[in-house]
Amino acid sequence: MSRIDFKNICKRYAPGLPWTINNANLTIGRGEFCVFVGPSGCGKSTLLRMVAGLESITEGELLIGDKPMNKLPPAKRGVAMVFQSYALYPHMTVEQNMAFGLQVMGSDKAEIERKVKKAADILQLTPLLDRLPKQLSGGQRQRVAIGRAIVKEPDVFLFDEPLSNLDAALRVQTRLEIAKLHHDIGKASMIYVTHDQVEAMTLADKIVLLRAGQGVQDQGSVAQFGSPMDLYHRPQNLFVAEFIGSPKMNVMPGKLVRAEESHAVVEVHGEQITAAVDARGTAAGAPVSLGIRPEHLLHGDVGEGCQLHVKLRQMERLGDESLLYLDIAPESPLVTLRVEGHATQSPGAPITLRLMPEQCHLFDGAGKAFRRTVELPA
């Protein structure tokens, strides 16, 4: 097992072009499961491929286990990669596909058999060892690709969107298998690339959220790095707040009325909302954005919390729950409220929302989060 250190890592494909990766600084601990997540084009796969040695590093230093990797070829890095496409040899059986890499490396036949058997047992592939890839389902093929990586017993596993080609049910099943795999062979560090925040939240010990289009040198590609619940409860900026969470966080424009040590008061469309943040140092009347997640909004005019009066625009019934899309004012972003599935409101109905101060987030005009004064679970 090896720690992975990214020190001021930068990547661009030609002088004068924008930075694909800009100033990435982070550490992935020994045995951690780290997920790179972000929108298309943000450099997730590029950063992963730099770890694998498939992309050169323009600036900065990459260390695996305190050993510099910048100039080391892929075969000597102690990593194994699982690609989005299965990349299996169609004329080889499952067993032969899993063994091929070890055979190329000149491993002993008995050692190859032992490692293939061990990997097949972990991935429940033993009954399929004699089958060809065309005789397997998509999920089974992906497990074979993972098994091919396991037999190498690497220090670091690299997964590049391994579930993208699977249907919804198989994605859930294979995601559970990958989580179990990490538990079973917990000594190895894992880096997993996905655009799916559900995969990121459910699999990761740590999440690296990347943002796209950072062509300026003074703004890094890493929007935030931390535990899944840290990004969920303590987003450092608006980008993180709106990316993490489904449905995404409600963000309402407003202006700061006053700021005290324990809380700030914000005016949102003529109504005053209290947020448990420290916004001192920001002038009264400054533009701010108030954020609250759909699951943290309360419905009804009886009880604690600041009130916000809205009208129902549209409702989506999802069975066990319903999502209500609400109008605050003309041309303002819709507010999403998550309620139980038997909601009966009709479009145009007036609704009173209650916002608890400790559930509210506040962001300045540049999108930076103010410090929370009430800590939520990590």
Foldseek 3Di string as FASTA:
>chain_A
DWKKWWAQWWDDDDPPDFILFGGDGDIDDFLFEEEEAEDPSLCQVVVLVQLQQNDATPDTFMDIRNHTDRPPHNVPNQEFECEQDLPFDQVAFLLCRLLVVVVVVVDDPVLSVVLLVVLCVLLVCVVRRGPGPVVDDLLSSLSSSVSSRRSSVGQEYEYENNCPPDDPVSSVVSLVSVQVVSVVSSRHYYYHYDHDLVSRQPRGQKYFYFYHDRRDNVDGRGQDMHGLVCLDQPRFFPVSQQSHDVNGKDKAKWWWQDFDQQWTWTAGLNFIFIARFGPPPDDGGAIKIKIFHQAQKDWDDDDDAGKAKWFFADKAADDQWIWTWTGRDPPTHTHIHIGGRVDDDDGGDMIMIGHDNHRMWMAGPVGGTGGGNDDDDD
